[in-house]
Amino acid sequence: MEDSQKVIFNLNQFYYHSNNYEWTTEMPYYWFCFFKMDGDNCLLNEDFKLEGFVSLYTPLDKIGDLSALESDKKEDFIKIPESSGKKEILLKPIPVPKFIKDSTLKKPEPQVGCVVVFMNKTCFLSDVENQLAPLLASTVQNQLNELLSKFNYRKTTLTNKTKSLSRILETVVHKATIEKQPFWKRFLSESKVDATIWKFSAGELQELNSISLTKNWTNEGTWELSGNISLSRNYPYPTFSPKTKSQQKEFSYQPD
């Protein structure tokens, strides 16, 4: 990667898949953030170690409530406001020492991603002091900073690490929910949480060109969060032949 790239995340709507064509009241409550690891805050030192920290963008200062958004019950979807669901991120090359830059050694690639956390009404109602959103943000920031040096390891290793982060976030919400509930209520209610991390390298984004994202939440019917990632280069543009439509790739990503 020689030039900066603009990455555009667009989480645009929730769609409801219903078996009985009835609108459910069991909507998912949600929180998401965006992050990047690039030349803004990271560099490779002469010992081949990556230094710095992850940049985190948090458009939601509290847990999102779908019932507060305008819905189209006829079409079974709810649009997400651009102010919270859309984020443009400038991805810059990671600085490396000159002797590495001029060599054929593998150079660290900038990374960009999104964290999505779904939870049920029990968790949402327990967060009366709006503590979950900042708690999730600090957990993501701290955990990703610890994983910084591993971002360029084998993909399977990193995938396992990001799955571990998903489980950590789910545990954070479960624990915070229990702590805020009266003792008797812990036996009468169930907290449900589902966290997902999407992460892509600059090289993967260039290769795939366009990425569709989907995330499902099943609770009295299935809610589907849908969105996409697009990539555009910033000036100056390199010299290249534009791809034809048949050469462009699109990738649809649905987490396990």
Protein backbone atom coordinates (compact mmCIF):
# COMPACT_ATOMS: atom_id res chain seq x y z
CA MET A 1 0.00 0.00 0.00
CA GLU A 2 1.70 3.20 -1.20
CA ASP A 3 -1.18 5.68 -1.01
CA SER A 4 -3.83 6.60 1.51
CA GLN A 5 -7.25 5.01 1.02
CA LYS A 6 -10.71 6.16 2.06
CA VAL A 7 -12.79 3.34 3.56
CA ILE A 8 -16.53 3.94 3.92
CA PHE A 9 -18.56 1.85 6.34
CA ASN A 10 -22.32 2.02 5.89
CA LEU A 11 -24.49 0.06 8.32
CA ASN A 12 -27.77 1.11 6.78
CA GLN A 13 -30.76 -0.91 8.00
CA PHE A 14 -32.35 -3.64 10.10
CA TYR A 15 -34.67 -5.96 8.20
CA TYR A 16 -37.17 -8.25 9.93
CA HIS A 17 -37.69 -11.78 8.63
CA SER A 18 -41.03 -13.01 10.01
CA ASN A 19 -42.61 -16.44 9.64
CA ASN A 20 -46.11 -15.23 10.56
CA TYR A 21 -45.86 -11.77 8.98
CA GLU A 22 -46.39 -10.07 12.35
CA TRP A 23 -44.19 -7.26 13.63
CA THR A 24 -42.35 -8.40 16.75
CA THR A 25 -41.68 -6.37 19.88
CA GLU A 26 -38.50 -8.40 20.55
CA MET A 27 -36.15 -6.07 18.71
CA PRO A 28 -32.39 -6.26 19.24
CA TYR A 29 -30.73 -3.44 21.13
CA TYR A 30 -27.38 -2.59 19.65
CA TRP A 31 -24.05 -0.80 19.91
CA PHE A 32 -21.29 -0.53 17.35
CA CYS A 33 -17.99 1.21 16.79
CA PHE A 34 -15.35 1.48 14.06
CA PHE A 35 -11.60 1.18 14.39
CA LYS A 36 -8.38 1.36 12.41
CA MET A 37 -4.71 0.55 12.82
CA ASP A 38 -2.64 2.61 10.38
CA GLY A 39 0.02 5.27 9.97
CA ASP A 40 -1.85 7.83 12.07
CA ASN A 41 -0.94 6.16 15.35
CA CYS A 42 1.26 3.17 14.47
CA LEU A 43 4.77 2.53 13.13
CA LEU A 44 7.18 -0.34 12.68
CA ASN A 45 10.42 0.16 14.61
CA GLU A 46 13.92 -1.07 13.71
CA ASP A 47 13.37 -4.20 15.78
CA PHE A 48 10.48 -5.16 13.48
CA LYS A 49 7.95 -4.50 16.27
CA LEU A 50 4.73 -2.63 15.71
CA GLU A 51 4.26 0.31 18.08
CA GLY A 52 1.31 2.60 18.71
CA PHE A 53 -2.40 2.26 19.41
CA VAL A 54 -5.68 1.63 17.60
CA SER A 55 -7.90 4.58 16.60
CA LEU A 56 -11.47 4.03 17.82
CA TYR A 57 -14.61 5.82 16.56
CA THR A 58 -17.77 5.54 18.68
CA PRO A 59 -20.86 7.18 17.10
CA LEU A 60 -23.17 5.84 19.84
CA ASP A 61 -22.78 7.22 23.37
CA LYS A 62 -25.43 4.82 24.68
CA ILE A 63 -27.03 1.52 23.66
CA GLY A 64 -29.19 1.92 20.54
CA ASP A 65 -32.94 1.33 20.73
CA LEU A 66 -34.64 0.31 17.47
CA SER A 67 -38.07 1.36 18.76
CA ALA A 68 -36.79 4.96 18.82
CA LEU A 69 -36.15 4.89 15.06
CA GLU A 70 -38.71 5.35 12.30
CA SER A 71 -39.83 2.01 10.89
CA ASP A 72 -41.45 0.87 7.66
CA LYS A 73 -43.68 -1.96 8.88
CA LYS A 74 -45.03 -2.53 5.39
CA GLU A 75 -41.54 -3.39 4.14
CA ASP A 76 -40.36 -4.80 7.49
CA PHE A 77 -37.24 -2.66 7.85
CA ILE A 78 -35.83 0.13 9.99
CA LYS A 79 -33.28 2.57 8.55
CA ILE A 80 -30.22 3.49 10.60
CA PRO A 81 -29.40 7.22 10.67
CA GLU A 82 -26.23 8.07 8.74
CA SER A 83 -24.95 9.97 11.76
CA SER A 84 -24.46 6.67 13.60
CA GLY A 85 -24.28 4.03 10.88
CA LYS A 86 -21.97 5.67 8.35
CA LYS A 87 -18.28 6.36 8.90
CA GLU A 88 -15.56 7.45 6.47
CA ILE A 89 -12.09 6.40 7.59
CA LEU A 90 -8.84 7.50 5.97
CA LEU A 91 -6.42 4.58 5.99
CA LYS A 92 -2.77 5.64 5.81
CA PRO A 93 0.35 3.52 5.14
CA ILE A 94 2.23 2.44 8.27
CA PRO A 95 5.70 4.08 8.46
CA VAL A 96 8.64 1.65 8.40
CA PRO A 97 12.42 2.20 8.68
CA LYS A 98 14.10 3.08 5.38
CA PHE A 99 16.06 -0.18 5.18
CA ILE A 100 12.75 -2.09 5.34
CA LYS A 101 10.92 0.22 2.96
CA ASP A 102 13.56 -0.27 0.28
CA SER A 103 13.69 -4.05 0.73
CA THR A 104 11.45 -6.94 -0.29
CA LEU A 105 10.61 -7.69 3.35
CA LYS A 106 6.92 -7.97 4.17
CA LYS A 107 5.57 -4.65 5.42
CA PRO A 108 2.69 -4.32 7.90
CA GLU A 109 -0.67 -3.58 6.32
CA PRO A 110 -3.13 -1.03 7.72
CA GLN A 111 -6.24 -2.65 9.18
CA VAL A 112 -9.78 -1.37 9.57
CA GLY A 113 -12.89 -2.85 11.12
CA CYS A 114 -16.20 -2.63 12.93
CA VAL A 115 -17.54 -4.07 16.18
CA VAL A 116 -21.26 -4.86 16.50
CA VAL A 117 -22.90 -5.89 19.79
CA PHE A 118 -26.53 -7.02 19.99
CA MET A 119 -28.37 -7.52 23.28
CA ASN A 120 -31.91 -8.15 24.46
CA LYS A 121 -34.29 -5.97 26.46
CA THR A 122 -33.10 -7.34 29.80
CA CYS A 123 -29.60 -5.95 29.21
CA PHE A 124 -30.93 -2.66 27.86
CA LEU A 125 -33.27 -2.01 30.81
CA SER A 126 -30.50 -2.82 33.29
CA ASP A 127 -28.31 -0.06 31.84
CA VAL A 128 -30.23 2.78 33.50
CA GLU A 129 -27.05 4.84 34.04
CA ASN A 130 -25.81 4.47 30.43
CA GLN A 131 -22.62 2.73 31.51
CA LEU A 132 -22.56 -0.07 28.93
CA ALA A 133 -21.51 2.00 25.90
CA PRO A 134 -18.37 3.52 27.49
CA LEU A 135 -17.56 0.15 29.08
CA LEU A 136 -17.73 -1.58 25.70
CA ALA A 137 -15.65 1.17 24.08
CA SER A 138 -12.87 0.93 26.67
CA THR A 139 -12.85 -2.87 26.42
CA VAL A 140 -12.53 -2.76 22.62
CA GLN A 141 -9.78 -0.12 22.81
CA ASN A 142 -7.72 -1.99 25.41
CA GLN A 143 -8.09 -5.41 23.80
CA LEU A 144 -7.26 -4.19 20.28
CA ASN A 145 -4.20 -2.34 21.58
CA GLU A 146 -2.98 -5.62 23.09
CA LEU A 147 -3.56 -7.38 19.74
CA LEU A 148 -1.80 -4.68 17.75
CA SER A 149 1.44 -6.62 17.26
CA LYS A 150 -0.51 -9.67 16.03
CA PHE A 151 -2.47 -7.93 13.26
CA ASN A 152 -0.05 -9.19 10.59
CA TYR A 153 0.26 -12.76 11.81
CA ARG A 154 -1.38 -15.65 9.99
CA LYS A 155 -5.04 -14.96 9.28
CA THR A 156 -6.25 -18.01 11.24
CA THR A 157 -4.41 -16.82 14.34
CA LEU A 158 -5.90 -13.35 14.14
CA THR A 159 -9.38 -14.73 13.47
CA ASN A 160 -9.16 -16.71 16.71
CA LYS A 161 -8.05 -13.57 18.55
CA THR A 162 -10.95 -11.48 17.28
CA LYS A 163 -13.39 -14.27 18.18
CA SER A 164 -11.95 -14.18 21.70
CA LEU A 165 -12.63 -10.44 21.80
CA SER A 166 -16.26 -11.13 20.82
CA ARG A 167 -16.63 -13.48 23.78
CA ILE A 168 -15.02 -10.92 26.09
CA LEU A 169 -17.51 -8.25 25.04
CA GLU A 170 -20.43 -10.63 25.61
CA THR A 171 -19.09 -11.42 29.10
CA VAL A 172 -18.75 -7.70 29.87
CA VAL A 173 -22.43 -7.10 29.07
CA HIS A 174 -23.61 -10.21 30.96
CA LYS A 175 -21.63 -9.24 34.04
CA ALA A 176 -22.75 -5.60 34.00
CA THR A 177 -26.39 -6.69 33.57
CA ILE A 178 -26.28 -9.04 36.56
CA GLU A 179 -24.62 -6.44 38.77
CA LYS A 180 -27.41 -3.92 38.06
CA GLN A 181 -30.30 -6.33 38.64
CA PRO A 182 -31.96 -7.05 42.00
CA PHE A 183 -30.95 -10.49 43.27
CA TRP A 184 -34.43 -11.97 42.85
CA LYS A 185 -34.72 -10.77 39.25
CA ARG A 186 -31.59 -12.64 38.16
CA PHE A 187 -33.55 -15.89 38.35
CA LEU A 188 -36.54 -14.58 36.38
CA SER A 189 -34.86 -12.92 33.41
CA GLU A 190 -32.30 -13.98 30.82
CA SER A 191 -29.69 -11.75 29.26
CA LYS A 192 -28.78 -12.43 25.64
CA VAL A 193 -25.74 -10.89 23.98
CA ASP A 194 -24.10 -11.43 20.59
CA ALA A 195 -20.90 -9.60 19.61
CA THR A 196 -19.10 -9.66 16.26
CA ILE A 197 -15.87 -8.12 14.98
CA TRP A 198 -15.36 -7.45 11.28
CA LYS A 199 -11.75 -6.70 10.34
CA PHE A 200 -10.07 -6.28 6.96
CA SER A 201 -6.57 -5.43 5.82
CA ALA A 202 -5.91 -2.79 3.16
CA GLY A 203 -4.88 -5.58 0.77
CA GLU A 204 -8.12 -7.50 1.29
CA LEU A 205 -10.17 -4.38 0.65
CA GLN A 206 -8.29 -3.67 -2.58
CA GLU A 207 -8.77 -7.23 -3.77
CA LEU A 208 -12.46 -7.51 -2.92
CA ASN A 209 -13.41 -3.99 -4.06
CA SER A 210 -16.88 -4.16 -2.47
CA ILE A 211 -17.97 -5.96 0.70
CA SER A 212 -21.53 -6.60 1.85
CA LEU A 213 -22.02 -7.13 5.59
CA THR A 214 -24.88 -8.97 7.28
CA LYS A 215 -25.45 -9.88 10.89
CA ASN A 216 -28.47 -11.82 12.19
CA TRP A 217 -30.24 -11.72 15.56
CA THR A 218 -32.89 -14.40 16.15
CA ASN A 219 -35.45 -13.81 18.91
CA GLU A 220 -39.13 -14.34 17.99
CA GLY A 221 -38.20 -13.96 14.34
CA THR A 222 -34.92 -12.93 12.74
CA TRP A 223 -33.56 -9.40 12.52
CA GLU A 224 -30.85 -8.79 9.96
CA LEU A 225 -28.45 -5.88 10.13
CA SER A 226 -27.15 -5.13 6.64
CA GLY A 227 -24.49 -2.80 5.34
CA ASN A 228 -21.41 -2.57 3.19
CA ILE A 229 -17.84 -1.36 2.96
CA SER A 230 -16.58 0.54 -0.05
CA LEU A 231 -13.09 1.72 -0.86
CA SER A 232 -11.81 4.71 -2.80
CA ARG A 233 -8.31 6.06 -3.24
CA ASN A 234 -7.38 9.61 -2.36
CA TYR A 235 -5.34 11.86 -4.60
CA PRO A 236 -2.83 11.55 -6.10
CA TYR A 237 -4.24 8.61 -8.03
CA PRO A 238 -1.80 5.94 -9.20
CA THR A 239 -1.61 5.09 -12.88
CA PHE A 240 -3.72 2.01 -13.57
CA SER A 241 -6.38 0.70 -15.89
CA PRO A 242 -9.87 0.81 -14.33
CA LYS A 243 -11.54 -2.56 -13.80
CA THR A 244 -14.48 -3.51 -15.92
CA LYS A 245 -17.67 -4.53 -14.17
CA SER A 246 -16.92 -8.19 -14.89
CA GLN A 247 -13.52 -7.87 -13.21
CA GLN A 248 -14.82 -6.24 -10.03
CA LYS A 249 -15.31 -8.48 -7.01
CA GLU A 250 -18.00 -8.35 -4.35
CA PHE A 251 -17.80 -10.27 -1.11
CA SER A 252 -20.71 -10.97 1.22
CA TYR A 253 -19.70 -11.47 4.86
CA GLN A 254 -21.94 -13.13 7.44
CA PRO A 255 -20.16 -14.01 10.71
CA ASP A 256 -20.31 -17.51 12.16
